[in-house]
Amino acid sequence: MCDARRSGGALTARRATFERKVAESLAALLPDYPRVPLCVAFSGGLDSTALLMALALLSPARGGARSATREAGARRSPGLRAVHIDHGLHPDSPRWAEHCRAVAERLRIPLTVLRVTVDRSPGVSLEAAAREARYRALERELAASEVLLTAQHADDQLETVLLQLLRGAGLPGIAAMPPLAPFGRGRLARPLLAMERGEIEAWARARGLEWVEDDTNADERRDRNYLRRRVIPLLRARWPSASRAAMRTARHAAEAQRLLDLLARADVERAAVGGALSVKRLRALAPERRRNALRYWIARSAHPLPDTRRLDELAGPVLDARPDAHPQVAWGGTVAERHGDLLGLAAASRRSPGARGLSGARGLSGALGLPGTLGLPGTLVWPLRAVSVLELPPGLGKLELVRDRHGPIDLEALPDSVSVRARRGGERLRPRRGGPSRTLKALLQEARVAHAERGRIPLLCAGEQVLAAGDLWADARIQAGSESRRRGRLIWHRP
């Protein structure tokens, strides 16, 4: 009898320990927990099933685990829901979706099932395409201020670190999966990242949970599966704490990357000319610092990062070329193009014709002018708070102000209304925070904008003060900084 009691007590303690760890992890990651809406990415597998059940058992009032004898559904946190993504790639995917519906119904947790279309083009990694489709759908589904919870654990982190090392990744790759990151309109948190799979499975089995098994996880032609089934067991036999060591490595890499990002941000801000970069200022940096600044600038502009060869080409030959050569480097739907002293980024599919924002959504050489048109004939009034798009006179296109969390404009620094006019001569603005005031004429000359094109650029003004010259330069008084809460981007849509 005593042995049975001790056994039952140990089981209850193990159950409570796992739930307490989940609660403690969430409290550490989310200062507003448990008063925050949570959305679980629920695949129906072991890990997400355990996470969903633990959350159903947690008391939002105490932030800890309730007794295992209480009914889970009656105690779930307000604002807790789940989303299941059906990729449509496996014949059993409809059955998995029904299983998830049944589990969610038992726990009285709202569930949304989303069907996605995965790119099966030749040469495209099906696994990577499925992951991209899944996260796109989750990003669209996530509500403002909601937190998406995924169930990756320490073993997943070990696999990711090893894969990144084998692919020759830099610090961002080795930093692997962060415990908390911005995502869509909310955040993404991984509360199980410090726990090993064995601990999660033991808790799930002790609770008698049921989950689905994806037989593609046994396919050793996939790199991650090969590592999981063949390599990691050998590593653990020799180094039992391999997962914890990988977690430390990832944390160290993430910390080092944050320091590099701070340095890169300072370098980019010094080199910034609107959303472009000054070639002269980039060339003044040491090669490794130059590459670091370019990586940061490209990532901040929401473009994919180039591979090492293209980054070296961008940091070397493109910057060293003659000012009138207009060299380009293209990768992954993005083009980096030099025009005089300015280096800009372009979305390759929209280079001509199209819109170009302060980050350079078109090539600079093709976007600065509007041949065959005249400048603004007078002054227009643009009520920014009420209207996001201003139609310009025929042949000049339109101006648009958009929300963008990486945008260079502090939306709260903008006045309610601005006037829009052409150049008259003598205009000045401060293109860099903390930098000197410059004449617009000098900036246009440095950017090598043709004389015939300079009068066509619409100027946003508050009284006589120029706030922005088209989407080329924004004055320091409206530029976003680290303290900015609402950021945006001005786009001049050319015809």
Protein backbone atom coordinates (compact mmCIF):
# COMPACT_ATOMS: atom_id res chain seq x y z
CA MET A 1 0.00 0.00 0.00
CA CYS A 2 2.82 2.41 0.91
CA ASP A 3 4.61 1.60 -2.35
CA ALA A 4 1.42 2.30 -4.29
CA ARG A 5 0.99 5.60 -2.49
CA ARG A 6 4.60 6.56 -3.13
CA SER A 7 4.19 5.64 -6.82
CA GLY A 8 1.00 7.66 -7.12
CA GLY A 9 2.60 10.61 -5.35
CA ALA A 10 5.60 10.51 -7.69
CA LEU A 11 3.30 10.47 -10.72
CA THR A 12 1.34 13.47 -9.44
CA ALA A 13 4.57 15.34 -8.71
CA ARG A 14 5.90 14.60 -12.21
CA ARG A 15 2.68 15.87 -13.75
CA ALA A 16 2.70 19.03 -11.66
CA THR A 17 6.41 19.62 -12.33
CA PHE A 18 5.91 19.71 -16.10
CA GLU A 19 2.92 22.03 -15.86
CA ARG A 20 4.82 24.28 -13.45
CA LYS A 21 7.76 24.44 -15.87
CA VAL A 22 5.44 25.51 -18.69
CA ALA A 23 3.93 28.22 -16.49
CA GLU A 24 7.35 29.43 -15.32
CA SER A 25 8.64 29.51 -18.88
CA LEU A 26 5.65 31.56 -20.06
CA ALA A 27 5.99 33.96 -17.13
CA ALA A 28 9.68 34.47 -17.95
CA LEU A 29 9.01 35.03 -21.66
CA LEU A 30 5.81 37.10 -21.34
CA PRO A 31 5.70 39.73 -18.58
CA ASP A 32 1.94 40.07 -19.16
CA TYR A 33 1.24 36.32 -18.70
CA PRO A 34 -1.38 35.06 -17.88
CA ARG A 35 -3.27 38.19 -18.97
CA VAL A 36 -2.37 37.70 -22.63
CA PRO A 37 -4.27 35.90 -25.40
CA LEU A 38 -2.51 32.68 -26.46
CA CYS A 39 -2.78 30.74 -29.71
CA VAL A 40 -1.21 27.27 -29.89
CA ALA A 41 0.10 25.93 -33.21
CA PHE A 42 -1.47 22.48 -32.80
CA SER A 43 -0.23 19.79 -35.19
CA GLY A 44 -1.71 16.92 -33.17
CA GLY A 45 1.75 15.44 -32.57
CA LEU A 46 3.26 14.63 -29.19
CA ASP A 47 4.84 17.98 -28.43
CA SER A 48 1.95 20.30 -29.34
CA THR A 49 -0.54 17.94 -27.68
CA ALA A 50 1.42 18.07 -24.42
CA LEU A 51 1.69 21.86 -24.64
CA LEU A 52 -2.03 22.31 -25.28
CA MET A 53 -2.98 20.00 -22.42
CA ALA A 54 -0.57 21.72 -20.01
CA LEU A 55 -2.06 25.10 -20.90
CA ALA A 56 -5.56 23.74 -20.34
CA LEU A 57 -4.50 22.59 -16.88
CA LEU A 58 -2.89 25.86 -15.85
CA SER A 59 -4.68 28.27 -13.57
CA PRO A 60 -4.49 31.81 -14.97
CA ALA A 61 -5.07 33.21 -11.50
CA ARG A 62 -2.08 31.47 -9.91
CA GLY A 63 0.09 31.00 -13.00
CA GLY A 64 0.75 27.43 -11.87
CA ALA A 65 -0.59 23.91 -12.27
CA ARG A 66 -3.93 22.84 -10.84
CA SER A 67 -4.57 19.47 -9.33
CA ALA A 68 -4.58 16.72 -11.96
CA THR A 69 -7.97 15.55 -10.66
CA ARG A 70 -9.79 18.73 -11.80
CA GLU A 71 -11.54 18.97 -15.19
CA ALA A 72 -9.20 20.59 -17.71
CA GLY A 73 -11.77 22.29 -19.90
CA ALA A 74 -13.40 24.17 -17.04
CA ARG A 75 -10.12 25.83 -16.11
CA ARG A 76 -8.60 26.86 -19.45
CA SER A 77 -7.19 30.37 -19.68
CA PRO A 78 -9.43 33.03 -21.21
CA GLY A 79 -8.11 33.83 -24.66
CA LEU A 80 -6.58 30.37 -25.22
CA ARG A 81 -7.19 28.90 -28.67
CA ALA A 82 -5.48 26.60 -31.16
CA VAL A 83 -4.79 26.56 -34.90
CA HIS A 84 -4.15 23.42 -36.96
CA ILE A 85 -2.51 23.71 -40.39
CA ASP A 86 -3.51 21.09 -42.95
CA HIS A 87 -0.76 21.02 -45.60
CA GLY A 88 -2.64 18.52 -47.75
CA LEU A 89 0.59 16.61 -48.42
CA HIS A 90 -0.19 13.35 -46.60
CA PRO A 91 -3.15 11.03 -47.27
CA ASP A 92 -3.88 11.00 -43.52
CA SER A 93 -3.99 14.79 -43.17
CA PRO A 94 -7.85 14.89 -43.03
CA ARG A 95 -7.76 12.30 -40.25
CA TRP A 96 -5.17 14.36 -38.36
CA ALA A 97 -7.37 17.44 -38.62
CA GLU A 98 -10.35 15.48 -37.21
CA HIS A 99 -8.18 14.20 -34.36
CA CYS A 100 -7.21 17.77 -33.49
CA ARG A 101 -10.85 18.85 -33.56
CA ALA A 102 -11.76 16.03 -31.18
CA VAL A 103 -8.95 16.91 -28.73
CA ALA A 104 -9.83 20.60 -28.77
CA GLU A 105 -13.51 19.82 -28.25
CA ARG A 106 -12.73 17.65 -25.21
CA LEU A 107 -10.63 20.46 -23.73
CA ARG A 108 -13.25 23.07 -24.71
CA ILE A 109 -10.60 25.07 -26.55
CA PRO A 110 -11.59 26.83 -29.80
CA LEU A 111 -9.78 25.38 -32.82
CA THR A 112 -9.31 26.81 -36.32
CA VAL A 113 -8.25 24.45 -39.12
CA LEU A 114 -6.49 26.15 -42.04
CA ARG A 115 -5.77 24.41 -45.34
CA VAL A 116 -2.69 25.74 -47.15
CA THR A 117 -1.26 25.24 -50.63
CA VAL A 118 2.38 24.17 -50.66
CA ASP A 119 4.68 25.03 -53.57
CA ARG A 120 5.68 21.77 -55.28
CA SER A 121 7.76 23.33 -58.06
CA PRO A 122 10.78 21.31 -59.24
CA GLY A 123 13.90 22.13 -57.29
CA VAL A 124 11.97 23.51 -54.32
CA SER A 125 12.48 21.75 -50.97
CA LEU A 126 9.04 20.39 -50.06
CA GLU A 127 9.88 20.57 -46.35
CA ALA A 128 10.97 24.23 -46.62
CA ALA A 129 7.95 25.11 -48.79
CA ALA A 130 5.57 23.51 -46.28
CA ARG A 131 7.20 25.40 -43.43
CA GLU A 132 6.93 28.68 -45.32
CA ALA A 133 3.26 28.08 -46.17
CA ARG A 134 2.53 27.12 -42.56
CA TYR A 135 4.11 30.22 -41.05
CA ARG A 136 2.51 32.50 -43.63
CA ALA A 137 -0.90 31.13 -42.66
CA LEU A 138 -0.17 31.43 -38.94
CA GLU A 139 1.06 34.99 -39.40
CA ARG A 140 -2.15 35.97 -41.18
CA GLU A 141 -4.26 34.21 -38.54
CA LEU A 142 -2.61 35.77 -35.48
CA ALA A 143 -4.57 38.63 -33.98
CA ALA A 144 -3.07 41.88 -32.75
CA SER A 145 -1.23 41.45 -29.40
CA GLU A 146 -1.83 37.67 -29.51
CA VAL A 147 1.05 35.28 -28.79
CA LEU A 148 1.59 32.23 -30.99
CA LEU A 149 2.97 29.28 -29.01
CA THR A 150 4.92 26.56 -30.79
CA ALA A 151 6.13 23.36 -29.19
CA GLN A 152 9.79 23.13 -30.26
CA HIS A 153 11.96 21.70 -27.49
CA ALA A 154 15.64 21.28 -26.61
CA ASP A 155 16.11 18.31 -28.94
CA ASP A 156 14.72 20.37 -31.83
CA GLN A 157 17.18 23.14 -30.95
CA LEU A 158 20.08 20.68 -30.99
CA GLU A 159 19.04 19.46 -34.44
CA THR A 160 18.76 23.03 -35.72
CA VAL A 161 22.18 24.06 -34.40
CA LEU A 162 23.80 20.98 -35.98
CA LEU A 163 22.05 21.56 -39.31
CA GLN A 164 23.15 25.19 -39.38
CA LEU A 165 26.74 24.25 -38.57
CA LEU A 166 26.76 21.68 -41.37
CA ARG A 167 25.39 24.28 -43.79
CA GLY A 168 28.13 26.75 -42.88
CA ALA A 169 25.72 29.26 -41.37
CA GLY A 170 26.86 32.35 -39.50
CA LEU A 171 25.83 33.56 -36.08
CA PRO A 172 22.13 34.10 -36.94
CA GLY A 173 21.88 30.46 -38.04
CA ILE A 174 23.74 29.08 -35.04
CA ALA A 175 21.55 31.20 -32.75
CA ALA A 176 18.81 28.89 -34.10
CA MET A 177 15.31 29.34 -32.66
CA PRO A 178 14.82 32.25 -30.22
CA PRO A 179 12.54 31.65 -27.23
CA LEU A 180 10.62 34.83 -28.10
CA ALA A 181 10.39 36.83 -31.34
CA PRO A 182 8.06 39.32 -33.06
CA PHE A 183 5.60 37.57 -35.35
CA GLY A 184 2.89 39.06 -37.52
CA ARG A 185 0.83 41.46 -35.43
CA GLY A 186 1.92 39.76 -32.21
CA ARG A 187 4.71 37.55 -30.88
CA LEU A 188 5.94 33.97 -31.19
CA ALA A 189 7.01 32.13 -28.02
CA ARG A 190 8.53 28.68 -27.50
CA PRO A 191 7.88 27.75 -23.86
CA LEU A 192 9.22 24.17 -24.18
CA LEU A 193 12.60 25.13 -25.63
CA ALA A 194 14.52 24.28 -22.45
CA MET A 195 12.84 20.85 -22.03
CA GLU A 196 13.95 17.61 -23.63
CA ARG A 197 11.64 15.39 -25.64
CA GLY A 198 11.99 12.51 -23.18
CA GLU A 199 10.56 14.63 -20.36
CA ILE A 200 7.63 15.76 -22.51
CA GLU A 201 6.85 12.21 -23.67
CA ALA A 202 7.02 10.80 -20.13
CA TRP A 203 4.49 13.38 -18.94
CA ALA A 204 2.20 12.77 -21.93
CA ARG A 205 2.25 8.99 -21.40
CA ALA A 206 1.64 9.38 -17.66
CA ARG A 207 -1.46 11.40 -18.52
CA GLY A 208 -2.61 8.89 -21.10
CA LEU A 209 -2.59 11.43 -23.91
CA GLU A 210 -3.07 10.36 -27.51
CA TRP A 211 -1.35 11.98 -30.46
CA VAL A 212 -0.82 11.43 -34.17
CA GLU A 213 2.39 10.02 -35.62
CA ASP A 214 3.61 11.33 -38.98
CA ASP A 215 5.34 8.44 -40.74
CA THR A 216 7.39 10.89 -42.83
CA ASN A 217 9.39 11.55 -39.66
CA ALA A 218 11.00 8.15 -40.28
CA ASP A 219 12.22 9.15 -43.75
CA GLU A 220 15.99 9.37 -43.30
CA ARG A 221 16.44 11.01 -46.69
CA ARG A 222 15.49 14.22 -44.88
CA ASP A 223 18.47 15.79 -43.14
CA ARG A 224 16.69 16.52 -39.87
CA ASN A 225 15.30 12.98 -39.63
CA TYR A 226 18.74 11.51 -40.33
CA LEU A 227 20.26 13.60 -37.56
CA ARG A 228 17.45 12.70 -35.16
CA ARG A 229 17.51 8.96 -35.81
CA ARG A 230 21.17 8.22 -36.58
CA VAL A 231 23.52 10.97 -35.40
CA ILE A 232 22.04 12.40 -32.21
CA PRO A 233 21.68 9.03 -30.42
CA LEU A 234 25.43 8.52 -30.92
CA LEU A 235 26.16 12.03 -29.66
CA ARG A 236 24.01 11.50 -26.59
CA ALA A 237 25.71 8.19 -25.83
CA ARG A 238 28.99 10.07 -25.56
CA TRP A 239 27.70 13.49 -24.40
CA PRO A 240 24.40 13.05 -22.51
CA SER A 241 23.99 16.81 -22.04
CA ALA A 242 24.33 17.62 -25.76
CA SER A 243 20.93 19.36 -25.91
CA ARG A 244 21.73 21.65 -22.99
CA ALA A 245 25.13 22.45 -24.51
CA ALA A 246 23.49 23.34 -27.82
CA MET A 247 21.07 25.62 -25.98
CA ARG A 248 24.01 27.48 -24.42
CA THR A 249 25.72 27.76 -27.80
CA ALA A 250 22.57 29.18 -29.35
CA ARG A 251 22.23 31.73 -26.53
CA HIS A 252 25.87 32.82 -26.90
CA ALA A 253 25.46 33.16 -30.67
CA ALA A 254 22.26 35.18 -30.25
CA GLU A 255 23.97 37.51 -27.77
CA ALA A 256 26.94 38.03 -30.10
CA GLN A 257 24.56 38.71 -32.99
CA ARG A 258 22.70 41.33 -30.96
CA LEU A 259 25.99 43.17 -30.40
CA LEU A 260 26.80 42.98 -34.11
CA ASP A 261 23.33 44.32 -34.88
CA LEU A 262 23.90 47.31 -32.61
CA LEU A 263 27.14 48.08 -34.43
CA ALA A 264 25.48 47.56 -37.82
CA ARG A 265 22.57 49.83 -36.93
CA ALA A 266 24.97 52.64 -36.01
CA ASP A 267 26.91 52.16 -39.26
CA VAL A 268 23.73 52.05 -41.35
CA GLU A 269 22.30 55.17 -39.71
CA ARG A 270 25.54 57.05 -40.46
CA ALA A 271 25.50 55.87 -44.08
CA ALA A 272 21.75 56.30 -44.66
CA VAL A 273 20.53 58.66 -47.37
CA GLY A 274 16.80 58.14 -47.09
CA GLY A 275 16.37 54.40 -47.54
CA ALA A 276 19.57 54.09 -49.61
CA LEU A 277 23.16 53.98 -48.33
CA SER A 278 26.07 56.24 -49.13
CA VAL A 279 28.75 54.31 -51.01
CA LYS A 280 31.41 56.69 -49.74
CA ARG A 281 30.53 56.00 -46.11
CA LEU A 282 30.35 52.23 -46.70
CA ARG A 283 33.80 52.21 -48.28
CA ALA A 284 35.19 53.90 -45.18
CA LEU A 285 34.32 50.81 -43.11
CA ALA A 286 36.59 47.78 -42.71
CA PRO A 287 35.50 44.90 -45.02
CA GLU A 288 34.01 42.74 -42.27
CA ARG A 289 32.19 45.71 -40.75
CA ARG A 290 30.92 46.70 -44.20
CA ARG A 291 29.48 43.21 -44.76
CA ASN A 292 27.88 43.32 -41.31
CA ALA A 293 26.22 46.66 -42.10
CA LEU A 294 24.97 45.45 -45.48
CA ARG A 295 23.46 42.28 -43.97
CA TYR A 296 21.65 44.33 -41.34
CA TRP A 297 20.41 46.89 -43.89
CA ILE A 298 19.09 44.19 -46.23
CA ALA A 299 17.34 42.28 -43.42
CA ARG A 300 15.84 45.48 -41.97
CA SER A 301 14.43 46.31 -45.40
CA ALA A 302 12.54 42.96 -45.34
CA HIS A 303 14.53 41.49 -48.24
CA PRO A 304 16.05 37.98 -48.19
CA LEU A 305 19.74 37.84 -47.33
CA PRO A 306 22.18 37.05 -50.17
CA ASP A 307 24.59 34.14 -50.03
CA THR A 308 28.24 34.72 -49.11
CA ARG A 309 29.43 35.09 -52.72
CA ARG A 310 26.86 37.75 -53.60
CA LEU A 311 27.40 39.60 -50.33
CA ASP A 312 31.15 39.73 -51.05
CA GLU A 313 30.40 41.03 -54.54
CA LEU A 314 28.09 43.69 -53.12
CA ALA A 315 30.59 44.76 -50.45
CA GLY A 316 33.54 44.78 -52.90
CA PRO A 317 33.24 45.24 -56.68
CA VAL A 318 29.88 47.05 -56.57
CA LEU A 319 31.15 49.66 -54.12
CA ASP A 320 34.51 49.97 -55.93
CA ALA A 321 32.97 50.47 -59.39
CA ARG A 322 32.95 53.80 -61.22
CA PRO A 323 30.11 56.12 -60.12
CA ASP A 324 28.52 55.98 -63.58
CA ALA A 325 28.72 52.18 -63.98
CA HIS A 326 25.37 51.37 -62.24
CA PRO A 327 26.46 47.83 -61.16
CA GLN A 328 23.87 45.39 -59.81
CA VAL A 329 23.76 42.19 -57.75
CA ALA A 330 20.62 40.04 -57.84
CA TRP A 331 19.42 37.21 -55.58
CA GLY A 332 16.11 35.68 -54.51
CA GLY A 333 13.84 38.24 -56.20
CA THR A 334 15.93 41.18 -54.92
CA VAL A 335 18.29 43.52 -56.76
CA ALA A 336 20.89 45.78 -55.14
CA GLU A 337 21.82 48.57 -57.54
CA ARG A 338 24.30 51.39 -57.28
CA HIS A 339 23.50 54.80 -58.73
CA GLY A 340 26.26 57.34 -58.21
CA ASP A 341 27.02 57.49 -54.50
CA LEU A 342 23.80 55.70 -53.54
CA LEU A 343 23.21 51.97 -53.09
CA GLY A 344 19.54 50.94 -53.14
CA LEU A 345 17.50 47.75 -52.90
CA ALA A 346 14.89 46.70 -55.42
CA ALA A 347 12.24 44.00 -55.68
CA ALA A 348 13.22 42.42 -58.99
CA SER A 349 9.66 41.69 -60.07
CA ARG A 350 8.68 45.35 -59.67
CA ARG A 351 11.71 47.16 -61.03
CA SER A 352 10.02 48.77 -63.99
CA PRO A 353 7.53 50.25 -63.75
CA GLY A 354 6.38 50.29 -60.13
CA ALA A 355 6.60 51.79 -56.69
CA ARG A 356 9.72 52.48 -54.75
CA GLY A 357 9.70 53.16 -51.05
CA LEU A 358 12.42 54.69 -48.89
CA SER A 359 14.06 51.23 -48.77
CA GLY A 360 14.27 51.16 -52.57
CA ALA A 361 11.57 48.92 -54.04
CA ARG A 362 12.78 49.83 -57.52
CA GLY A 363 16.21 50.27 -58.99
CA LEU A 364 17.46 53.79 -58.29
CA SER A 365 18.54 54.59 -61.83
CA GLY A 366 15.09 53.83 -63.25
CA ALA A 367 13.02 55.33 -60.45
CA LEU A 368 14.36 58.83 -59.91
CA GLY A 369 12.82 60.42 -63.00
CA LEU A 370 9.56 60.71 -64.85
CA PRO A 371 10.47 61.54 -68.47
CA GLY A 372 7.93 63.60 -70.34
CA THR A 373 6.11 65.01 -67.29
CA LEU A 374 6.13 68.37 -65.55
CA GLY A 375 6.49 69.12 -61.87
CA LEU A 376 3.62 69.95 -59.54
CA PRO A 377 1.83 73.06 -60.84
CA GLY A 378 0.92 74.33 -57.37
CA THR A 379 0.51 73.25 -53.75
CA LEU A 380 -1.67 70.35 -52.62
CA VAL A 381 -2.93 69.69 -49.09
CA TRP A 382 -2.61 66.14 -47.77
CA PRO A 383 -4.55 65.37 -44.54
CA LEU A 384 -2.34 62.48 -43.42
CA ARG A 385 -4.47 61.43 -40.45
CA ALA A 386 -7.56 61.05 -42.61
CA VAL A 387 -6.22 59.97 -46.02
CA SER A 388 -3.33 57.55 -46.59
CA VAL A 389 -3.07 58.09 -50.38
CA LEU A 390 -2.70 61.39 -52.24
CA GLU A 391 -3.35 61.43 -55.98
CA LEU A 392 -0.90 63.74 -57.76
CA PRO A 393 -1.67 65.61 -61.00
CA PRO A 394 -1.79 63.49 -64.18
CA GLY A 395 1.54 61.96 -65.07
CA LEU A 396 3.02 62.22 -61.56
CA GLY A 397 1.45 59.16 -59.92
CA LYS A 398 0.49 59.22 -56.24
CA LEU A 399 1.96 59.32 -52.73
CA GLU A 400 1.10 56.72 -50.10
CA LEU A 401 1.91 56.50 -46.40
CA VAL A 402 1.90 52.91 -45.11
CA ARG A 403 2.40 51.30 -41.71
CA ASP A 404 5.68 49.36 -41.54
CA ARG A 405 7.33 48.21 -38.31
CA HIS A 406 10.73 48.54 -40.04
CA GLY A 407 9.85 51.85 -41.70
CA PRO A 408 12.15 54.88 -41.45
CA ILE A 409 9.38 57.35 -40.51
CA ASP A 410 8.00 57.97 -37.01
CA LEU A 411 4.27 58.23 -37.69
CA GLU A 412 3.66 60.02 -34.40
CA ALA A 413 6.12 62.77 -35.44
CA LEU A 414 4.10 63.63 -38.54
CA PRO A 415 1.65 66.56 -38.43
CA ASP A 416 -2.04 65.97 -39.10
CA SER A 417 -1.72 67.61 -42.49
CA VAL A 418 1.12 68.53 -44.87
CA SER A 419 1.43 70.54 -48.05
CA VAL A 420 2.88 68.93 -51.16
CA ARG A 421 4.67 71.05 -53.74
CA ALA A 422 7.55 71.10 -56.22
CA ARG A 423 11.01 72.60 -55.63
CA ARG A 424 11.32 76.37 -55.62
CA GLY A 425 14.99 76.60 -54.69
CA GLY A 426 16.83 76.97 -51.39
CA GLU A 427 15.07 74.05 -49.63
CA ARG A 428 17.01 72.38 -46.82
CA LEU A 429 16.52 69.28 -44.68
CA ARG A 430 18.47 67.17 -42.24
CA PRO A 431 18.87 63.70 -43.83
CA ARG A 432 20.48 62.10 -40.74
CA ARG A 433 19.51 62.36 -37.09
CA GLY A 434 22.22 64.34 -35.36
CA GLY A 435 23.73 65.33 -38.71
CA PRO A 436 23.96 68.77 -40.33
CA SER A 437 21.26 70.47 -42.35
CA ARG A 438 21.82 70.06 -46.10
CA THR A 439 20.46 71.82 -49.14
CA LEU A 440 18.20 69.67 -51.28
CA LYS A 441 20.23 70.85 -54.29
CA ALA A 442 23.42 69.37 -52.81
CA LEU A 443 21.69 66.08 -51.98
CA LEU A 444 20.33 65.78 -55.52
CA GLN A 445 23.76 66.54 -56.97
CA GLU A 446 25.42 63.90 -54.77
CA ALA A 447 22.79 61.36 -55.84
CA ARG A 448 23.46 62.36 -59.49
CA VAL A 449 19.79 63.01 -60.21
CA ALA A 450 19.47 64.54 -63.68
CA HIS A 451 18.66 68.27 -63.81
CA ALA A 452 15.50 67.65 -65.83
CA GLU A 453 14.18 65.30 -63.15
CA ARG A 454 14.80 67.39 -60.04
CA GLY A 455 11.73 69.57 -60.41
CA ARG A 456 9.39 66.57 -60.58
CA ILE A 457 10.07 65.31 -57.08
CA PRO A 458 7.11 66.08 -54.73
CA LEU A 459 8.12 67.73 -51.46
CA LEU A 460 6.16 67.18 -48.24
CA CYS A 461 6.26 70.35 -46.17
CA ALA A 462 5.05 71.71 -42.86
CA GLY A 463 4.97 75.42 -43.55
CA GLU A 464 8.34 76.19 -45.16
CA GLN A 465 10.07 73.18 -43.55
CA VAL A 466 10.67 70.27 -45.92
CA LEU A 467 9.77 66.98 -44.19
CA ALA A 468 10.44 64.64 -47.12
CA ALA A 469 11.66 64.81 -50.71
CA GLY A 470 9.54 62.21 -52.46
CA ASP A 471 10.61 58.86 -51.10
CA LEU A 472 14.31 59.70 -51.35
CA TRP A 473 14.96 61.58 -48.11
CA ALA A 474 13.08 62.20 -44.88
CA ASP A 475 14.01 65.00 -42.53
CA ALA A 476 15.46 64.01 -39.15
CA ARG A 477 12.48 65.48 -37.30
CA ILE A 478 10.20 62.72 -38.68
CA GLN A 479 12.74 59.88 -38.82
CA ALA A 480 12.06 56.86 -36.62
CA GLY A 481 14.42 55.92 -33.83
CA SER A 482 14.67 53.09 -31.33
CA GLU A 483 12.03 54.81 -29.19
CA SER A 484 9.46 55.06 -31.99
CA ARG A 485 6.27 53.10 -31.28
CA ARG A 486 4.56 53.51 -34.67
CA ARG A 487 6.66 53.42 -37.81
CA GLY A 488 5.80 53.83 -41.46
CA ARG A 489 7.10 54.32 -44.96
CA LEU A 490 6.38 56.91 -47.64
CA ILE A 491 6.01 55.49 -51.14
CA TRP A 492 5.89 57.50 -54.33
CA HIS A 493 3.99 55.41 -56.87
CA ARG A 494 5.27 56.49 -60.24
CA PRO A 495 3.10 55.97 -63.34
